[in-house]
Protein backbone atom coordinates (compact mmCIF):
# COMPACT_ATOMS: atom_id res chain seq x y z
CA UNK A 1 26.08 -10.37 31.18
CA UNK A 2 23.51 -11.96 33.64
CA UNK A 3 21.96 -9.65 35.41
CA UNK A 4 18.63 -8.77 37.11
CA UNK A 5 15.87 -7.99 34.92
CA UNK A 6 15.99 -4.57 37.18
CA UNK A 7 17.25 -4.15 40.82
CA UNK A 8 14.89 -5.39 43.50
CA UNK A 9 15.64 -6.98 46.94
CA UNK A 10 14.31 -10.19 48.30
CA UNK A 11 14.51 -12.09 45.00
CA UNK A 12 16.60 -15.22 43.93
CA UNK A 13 19.75 -14.05 42.15
CA UNK A 14 21.83 -15.23 39.20
CA UNK A 15 24.94 -15.99 38.91
CA UNK A 16 27.08 -13.90 36.56
CA UNK A 17 28.84 -16.58 34.32
CA UNK A 18 31.70 -15.10 31.82
CA UNK A 19 29.95 -12.43 29.03
CA UNK A 20 29.65 -14.86 25.63
CA UNK A 21 27.54 -13.72 22.74
CA UNK A 22 24.77 -16.33 21.64
CA UNK A 23 27.13 -16.58 17.95
CA UNK A 24 30.04 -17.32 19.86
CA UNK A 25 28.72 -20.09 22.41
CA UNK A 26 26.77 -21.78 19.55
CA UNK A 27 29.94 -21.61 17.74
CA UNK A 28 31.95 -23.45 20.00
CA UNK A 29 29.31 -25.74 20.98
CA UNK A 30 28.23 -26.58 17.18
CA UNK A 31 32.21 -26.09 15.29
CA UNK A 32 30.79 -23.70 13.09
CA UNK A 33 27.29 -22.22 12.42
CA UNK A 34 24.27 -22.87 14.47
CA UNK A 35 22.58 -25.59 14.26
CA UNK A 36 18.42 -24.54 12.99
CA UNK A 37 17.06 -28.28 13.50
CA UNK A 38 17.64 -27.61 16.95
CA UNK A 39 16.06 -24.24 17.37
CA UNK A 40 12.87 -23.77 19.02
CA UNK A 41 10.16 -21.29 19.32
CA UNK A 42 11.58 -18.64 20.51
CA UNK A 43 14.90 -18.96 18.74
CA UNK A 44 16.56 -20.64 21.46
CA UNK A 45 18.94 -23.81 20.86
CA UNK A 46 18.93 -27.71 22.76
CA UNK A 47 21.95 -26.78 24.38
CA UNK A 48 22.10 -23.11 24.50
CA UNK A 49 22.98 -21.04 27.35
CA UNK A 50 20.77 -18.35 29.43
CA UNK A 51 23.22 -17.87 32.27
CA UNK A 52 24.02 -20.79 33.86
CA UNK A 53 20.55 -22.65 32.23
CA UNK A 54 21.22 -24.74 30.05
CA UNK A 55 18.47 -24.79 27.48
CA UNK A 56 17.40 -28.70 26.70
CA UNK A 57 13.73 -28.37 25.14
CA UNK A 58 10.46 -26.82 24.58
CA UNK A 59 7.62 -28.06 27.10
CA UNK A 60 5.05 -25.23 25.32
CA UNK A 61 3.95 -21.81 24.93
CA UNK A 62 0.93 -19.71 25.86
CA UNK A 63 0.09 -15.73 26.45
CA UNK A 64 2.96 -14.93 29.02
CA UNK A 65 5.42 -16.74 27.81
CA UNK A 66 7.50 -19.53 26.30
CA UNK A 67 8.46 -22.39 28.29
CA UNK A 68 11.76 -25.10 28.42
CA UNK A 69 12.82 -27.69 29.82
CA UNK A 70 16.58 -26.54 30.89
CA UNK A 71 19.36 -27.94 33.60
CA UNK A 72 20.63 -25.90 36.40
CA UNK A 73 24.72 -26.13 35.33
CA UNK A 74 25.16 -25.06 39.06
CA UNK A 75 23.30 -27.18 41.17
CA UNK A 76 23.07 -29.96 38.99
CA UNK A 77 18.85 -30.02 38.66
CA UNK A 78 16.43 -29.61 36.15
CA UNK A 79 14.37 -26.52 35.82
CA UNK A 80 11.74 -24.93 33.87
CA UNK A 81 12.63 -21.64 32.19
CA UNK A 82 10.05 -19.25 31.28
CA UNK A 83 10.54 -16.63 28.57
CA UNK A 84 8.61 -13.37 29.61
CA UNK A 85 7.38 -11.34 26.19
CA UNK A 86 9.21 -8.76 25.19
CA UNK A 87 6.02 -6.29 24.35
CA UNK A 88 4.72 -6.82 27.98
CA UNK A 89 7.27 -5.77 29.65
CA UNK A 90 9.03 -3.42 27.69
CA UNK A 91 7.78 -0.36 29.96
CA UNK A 92 10.10 -0.26 32.78
CA UNK A 93 7.27 0.74 35.56
CA UNK A 94 5.49 -2.44 34.64
CA UNK A 95 8.13 -4.84 34.92
CA UNK A 96 8.74 -3.33 38.47
CA UNK A 97 5.38 -4.58 38.53
CA UNK A 98 5.89 -7.62 38.00
CA UNK A 99 8.98 -8.10 39.70
CA UNK A 100 7.43 -7.00 42.75
CA UNK A 101 4.81 -10.06 42.53
CA UNK A 102 7.19 -12.04 41.28
CA UNK A 103 9.03 -11.83 44.29
CA UNK A 104 6.16 -12.32 46.49
CA UNK A 105 5.44 -15.71 44.98
CA UNK A 106 8.74 -16.66 44.87
CA UNK A 107 8.06 -16.75 49.09
CA UNK A 108 5.10 -19.17 48.59
CA UNK A 109 6.52 -22.87 49.50
CA UNK A 110 3.61 -25.49 49.38
CA UNK A 111 4.01 -29.30 47.59
CA UNK A 112 0.68 -27.57 46.05
CA UNK A 113 2.37 -25.06 44.77
CA UNK A 114 5.34 -24.49 41.87
CA UNK A 115 8.11 -23.15 43.04
CA UNK A 116 10.35 -20.37 41.44
CA UNK A 117 13.46 -19.79 42.41
CA UNK A 118 14.81 -17.10 39.96
CA UNK A 119 14.17 -14.03 38.21
CA UNK A 120 16.43 -13.63 35.40
CA UNK A 121 17.53 -11.19 32.35
CA UNK A 122 20.33 -12.38 30.20
CA UNK A 123 21.18 -11.23 26.45
CA UNK A 124 17.86 -8.57 26.87
CA UNK A 125 15.67 -11.84 27.72
CA UNK A 126 13.49 -11.66 30.80
CA UNK A 127 12.85 -15.36 32.37
CA UNK A 128 11.73 -16.80 35.42
CA UNK A 129 13.17 -19.83 36.47
CA UNK A 130 10.80 -22.55 37.85
CA UNK A 131 10.77 -26.11 40.10
CA UNK A 132 10.04 -28.74 37.22
CA UNK A 133 7.72 -30.62 37.68
CA UNK A 134 7.35 -33.70 35.18
CA UNK A 135 3.55 -34.81 34.50
CA UNK A 136 0.11 -33.61 32.79
CA UNK A 137 -1.78 -30.85 33.21
CA UNK A 138 -5.57 -31.57 34.45
CA UNK A 139 -7.34 -30.12 30.91
CA UNK A 140 -5.55 -33.30 29.53
CA UNK A 141 -6.08 -35.56 31.90
CA UNK A 142 -10.33 -35.00 32.44
CA UNK A 143 -12.36 -37.99 30.17
CA UNK A 144 -15.51 -36.47 28.36
CA UNK A 145 -17.31 -37.78 31.22
CA UNK A 146 -15.92 -36.19 33.94
CA UNK A 147 -13.36 -37.84 36.66
CA UNK A 148 -14.20 -40.18 39.30
CA UNK A 149 -15.63 -38.97 41.96
CA UNK A 150 -12.45 -40.35 44.34
CA UNK A 151 -9.83 -38.37 41.59
CA UNK A 152 -12.22 -35.31 41.71
CA UNK A 153 -12.04 -34.89 45.11
CA UNK A 154 -8.43 -35.60 46.05
CA UNK A 155 -6.88 -33.12 43.33
CA UNK A 156 -9.79 -30.61 44.20
CA UNK A 157 -8.57 -31.07 47.93
CA UNK A 158 -5.29 -30.45 46.72
CA UNK A 159 -5.74 -27.32 44.79
CA UNK A 160 -7.75 -25.64 47.47
CA UNK A 161 -4.99 -25.91 49.89
CA UNK A 162 -2.75 -24.66 47.21
CA UNK A 163 -5.42 -21.20 46.84
CA UNK A 164 -4.93 -20.96 50.78
CA UNK A 165 -1.45 -21.04 50.63
CA UNK A 166 -1.33 -18.25 48.35
CA UNK A 167 -4.46 -16.35 49.55
CA UNK A 168 -2.79 -16.70 53.30
CA UNK A 169 0.35 -14.98 51.39
CA UNK A 170 -1.95 -11.92 49.83
CA UNK A 171 -1.39 -13.89 46.48
CA UNK A 172 -4.54 -13.87 43.69
CA UNK A 173 -3.77 -15.68 41.42
CA UNK A 174 -6.33 -14.95 38.97
CA UNK A 175 -6.48 -17.41 35.99
CA UNK A 176 -7.03 -20.65 37.58
CA UNK A 177 -8.24 -23.28 34.80
CA UNK A 178 -6.96 -26.72 34.17
CA UNK A 179 -4.29 -25.61 32.05
CA UNK A 180 -2.50 -24.47 35.03
CA UNK A 181 -2.57 -27.09 37.30
CA UNK A 182 -0.41 -30.06 36.59
CA UNK A 183 -0.94 -33.63 37.76
CA UNK A 184 2.54 -35.71 38.75
CA UNK A 185 2.98 -39.60 37.85
CA UNK A 186 2.40 -40.20 41.91
CA UNK A 187 -1.18 -37.73 41.49
CA UNK A 188 0.24 -34.75 43.01
CA UNK A 189 -1.47 -31.41 42.21
CA UNK A 190 0.92 -28.66 41.23
CA UNK A 191 -0.61 -24.73 40.53
CA UNK A 192 1.13 -23.14 38.03
CA UNK A 193 1.62 -20.06 37.00
CA UNK A 194 1.54 -17.21 39.09
CA UNK A 195 2.51 -14.83 36.27
CA UNK A 196 -0.88 -13.10 36.40
CA UNK A 197 -1.03 -12.84 40.32
CA UNK A 198 -2.46 -9.62 41.96
CA UNK A 199 -1.33 -8.90 45.28
CA UNK A 200 -4.57 -8.54 47.37
CA UNK A 201 -4.26 -4.84 49.14
CA UNK A 202 -8.13 -4.41 50.44
CA UNK A 203 -10.94 -5.74 52.36
CA UNK A 204 -10.32 -7.92 54.87
CA UNK A 205 -12.42 -11.14 54.11
CA UNK A 206 -11.63 -13.55 56.41
CA UNK A 207 -7.72 -15.25 58.34
CA UNK A 208 -6.44 -15.70 54.57
CA UNK A 209 -6.50 -12.14 54.02
CA UNK A 210 -3.93 -11.03 56.87
CA UNK A 211 -1.27 -10.27 54.80
CA UNK A 212 -1.45 -6.79 52.84
CA UNK A 213 0.93 -5.03 51.00
CA UNK A 214 0.44 -1.38 49.90
CA UNK A 215 3.00 -1.35 47.20
CA UNK A 216 0.78 -0.91 43.57
CA UNK A 217 0.42 -4.07 41.63
CA UNK A 218 0.75 -5.42 38.33
CA UNK A 219 -2.91 -5.02 37.27
CA UNK A 220 -5.36 -2.36 38.07
CA UNK A 221 -9.22 -2.17 38.38
CA UNK A 222 -10.49 -1.88 35.32
CA UNK A 223 -7.74 -4.17 33.74
CA UNK A 224 -9.01 -7.41 32.51
CA UNK A 225 -7.21 -10.49 32.85
CA UNK A 226 -7.26 -14.08 32.67
CA UNK A 227 -9.12 -16.81 31.04
CA UNK A 228 -13.33 -16.09 30.15
CA UNK A 229 -14.26 -19.24 30.45
CA UNK A 230 -13.29 -19.81 34.31
CA UNK A 231 -13.19 -15.95 35.00
CA UNK A 232 -15.50 -14.70 37.85
CA UNK A 233 -18.31 -11.87 37.14
CA UNK A 234 -16.32 -8.96 39.06
CA UNK A 235 -12.85 -9.93 37.70
CA UNK A 236 -14.84 -9.93 33.76
CA UNK A 237 -16.01 -6.37 34.58
CA UNK A 238 -12.55 -4.98 35.42
CA UNK A 239 -13.68 -4.82 38.83
CA UNK A 240 -11.18 -4.94 41.55
CA UNK A 241 -11.17 -8.56 43.54
CA UNK A 242 -9.61 -10.48 46.09
CA UNK A 243 -9.29 -14.13 46.80
CA UNK A 244 -12.68 -15.29 46.28
CA UNK A 245 -12.57 -14.70 41.71
CA UNK A 246 -10.10 -17.51 42.12
CA UNK A 247 -13.03 -19.61 44.27
CA UNK A 248 -15.17 -18.99 41.73
CA UNK A 249 -12.51 -20.14 38.45
CA UNK A 250 -11.70 -22.92 40.86
CA UNK A 251 -15.64 -24.32 40.90
CA UNK A 252 -15.61 -23.85 37.16
CA UNK A 253 -12.60 -26.48 37.44
CA UNK A 254 -14.19 -28.46 39.66
CA UNK A 255 -17.29 -28.94 37.57
CA UNK A 256 -15.36 -29.67 34.47
CA UNK A 257 -13.37 -32.48 36.38
CA UNK A 258 -17.00 -33.75 38.03
CA UNK A 259 -18.24 -33.66 34.67
CA UNK A 260 -16.23 -33.30 31.48
CA UNK A 261 -18.36 -30.17 30.76
CA UNK A 262 -17.32 -26.74 31.36
CA UNK A 263 -19.68 -24.99 33.38
CA UNK A 264 -20.05 -22.09 31.06
CA UNK A 265 -20.26 -22.45 27.61
CA UNK A 266 -20.94 -19.15 26.16
CA UNK A 267 -18.26 -16.33 27.81
CA UNK A 268 -19.72 -13.99 30.00
CA UNK A 269 -23.21 -15.66 30.92
CA UNK A 270 -22.95 -16.89 34.18
CA UNK A 271 -26.06 -19.08 34.35
CA UNK A 272 -25.24 -21.76 36.50
CA UNK A 273 -24.84 -25.25 34.95
CA UNK A 274 -26.83 -28.02 35.59
CA UNK A 275 -25.89 -30.39 38.67
CA UNK A 276 -23.10 -32.74 38.15
CA UNK A 277 -25.18 -35.48 39.69
CA UNK A 278 -22.43 -37.22 40.80
CA UNK A 279 -23.03 -36.50 44.42
CA UNK A 280 -25.51 -33.94 46.07
CA UNK A 281 -22.82 -32.30 48.90
CA UNK A 282 -20.34 -31.84 45.85
CA UNK A 283 -22.95 -30.07 44.31
CA UNK A 284 -23.52 -28.19 47.02
CA UNK A 285 -19.58 -27.33 47.31
CA UNK A 286 -19.62 -26.30 42.99
CA UNK A 287 -22.55 -24.07 43.56
CA UNK A 288 -21.32 -22.01 46.30
CA UNK A 289 -17.96 -21.41 44.58
CA UNK A 290 -20.00 -20.31 41.47
CA UNK A 291 -22.35 -18.26 43.39
CA UNK A 292 -22.20 -15.24 41.12
CA UNK A 293 -22.51 -12.96 44.46
CA UNK A 294 -18.97 -12.53 45.83
CA UNK A 295 -20.99 -12.09 49.46
CA UNK A 296 -22.75 -15.98 49.16
CA UNK A 297 -19.63 -17.10 47.47
CA UNK A 298 -17.33 -19.35 49.90
CA UNK A 299 -15.19 -17.15 51.46
CA UNK A 300 -11.88 -18.75 51.66
CA UNK A 301 -10.13 -21.44 50.24
CA UNK A 302 -9.61 -23.21 53.13
CA UNK A 303 -13.12 -23.64 54.13
CA UNK A 304 -14.02 -25.49 51.01
CA UNK A 305 -10.71 -27.61 51.71
CA UNK A 306 -12.53 -28.36 55.04
CA UNK A 307 -15.88 -29.29 53.05
CA UNK A 308 -13.95 -31.25 50.35
CA UNK A 309 -12.03 -33.14 53.08
CA UNK A 310 -15.07 -33.91 55.22
CA UNK A 311 -17.03 -35.57 52.04
CA UNK A 312 -13.82 -37.45 51.32
CA UNK A 313 -13.95 -38.89 54.81
CA UNK A 314 -18.01 -39.77 54.71
CA UNK A 315 -17.13 -41.13 51.15
CA UNK A 316 -14.17 -43.08 52.67
CA UNK A 317 -15.63 -44.74 55.27
CA UNK A 318 -19.18 -45.80 53.44
CA UNK A 319 -16.93 -47.86 51.47
CA UNK A 320 -14.99 -49.31 54.37
CA UNK A 321 -18.46 -49.92 56.06
CA UNK A 322 -19.52 -51.69 52.95
CA UNK A 323 -16.47 -53.51 52.69
CA UNK A 324 -16.66 -55.02 55.90
CA UNK A 325 -20.47 -55.75 55.11
CA UNK A 326 -19.93 -57.56 51.77
CA UNK A 327 -16.54 -59.29 53.73
CA UNK A 328 -19.30 -60.30 56.85
CA UNK A 329 -22.02 -61.71 54.28
CA UNK A 330 -19.55 -63.60 52.65
CA UNK A 331 -18.15 -65.49 56.09
CA UNK A 332 -21.64 -65.82 56.56
CA UNK A 333 -22.73 -67.59 53.34
CA UNK A 334 -19.53 -69.71 53.41
CA UNK A 335 -20.03 -70.67 57.10
CA UNK A 336 -23.85 -71.74 55.70
CA UNK A 337 -21.93 -73.95 53.30
CA UNK A 338 -19.90 -75.67 55.43
CA UNK A 339 -23.28 -76.61 57.72
CA UNK A 340 -25.06 -77.40 55.08
CA UNK A 341 -21.89 -79.89 53.91
CA UNK A 342 -21.24 -80.92 56.92
CA UNK A 343 -24.95 -82.13 57.71
CA UNK A 344 -25.33 -84.01 54.42
CA UNK A 345 -21.86 -85.59 55.04
CA UNK A 346 -23.29 -86.42 58.77
CA UNK A 347 -26.83 -87.87 57.26
CA UNK A 348 -25.15 -90.42 54.47
CA UNK A 349 -22.99 -92.19 57.28
CA UNK A 350 -26.36 -92.16 59.09
CA UNK A 351 -27.67 -93.73 56.06
CA UNK A 352 -25.12 -96.02 55.59
CA UNK A 353 -24.93 -97.55 58.82
CA UNK A 354 -28.34 -98.26 58.78
CA UNK A 355 -28.74 -99.91 56.21
């Protein structure tokens, strides 16, 4: 029977469908034995149901669970289902803390953040129901020599806006990396996977940190969670972190977007990389994000977004001015050619009249 993973308040709820076992559901659809050719990595098959959600195809897998494309039979929409690993959520207290953070993440509504629709348990499978976002993750889009400057700024600005919204809600992502950023065919950025999120409880560091919670979080001081290549020094040391850890990770992502290379080639070695050399102002922004000392780093994602937007406008303005200059020169050259032609034709006629 479909139910909440545990009793919580203010979370999306799951519909209770008629109780059926996995075997009876599969037998009804296939007319006999389960079709093993359709079995996905988590043992689910295409057309199998988790509550009202019909599994369609696997999308990927990671340390925090496997993801499937599914169809919501109630609302007739495509969604993403994230199966949560049992070993990581077997402890009831840890599951409670996870749901506490998922509840906070479900309140985030922003065009650059994947929406959490539902938190469910069916047949002893805990899973999240997320907005389905077609597209590719950023790690698959970054070419060997880096992205064009315009794309780096546009995607970077959207990531910064997403972080600003999450931090304003008191949520720290803790695992910002290219694989957790998806870009749609329309070039819209969506930040994925707040499964490692930590509610920020302490240290006012600006307007984005005004929202607090006194409840315990899933992650604690001394427990390291995240991806080493993009992890801030304080996070790697297992210290208590705030929104600035995400800004460090974002700096590593921004550097990789600009250069095609990881900012830090060695694990737990934060020796600053050479400049991206794409644009001096972009280099300044990146290195301020990658500042090992938190007090010298950018303090809010909103400040980063403002600097990226300012640089974007400057470059667009220069591009417009150059375009106008090229057009003016072209008109001048064309006018000169026409004037020369008129003079040449006039001279030819005068010569014929004299002869």
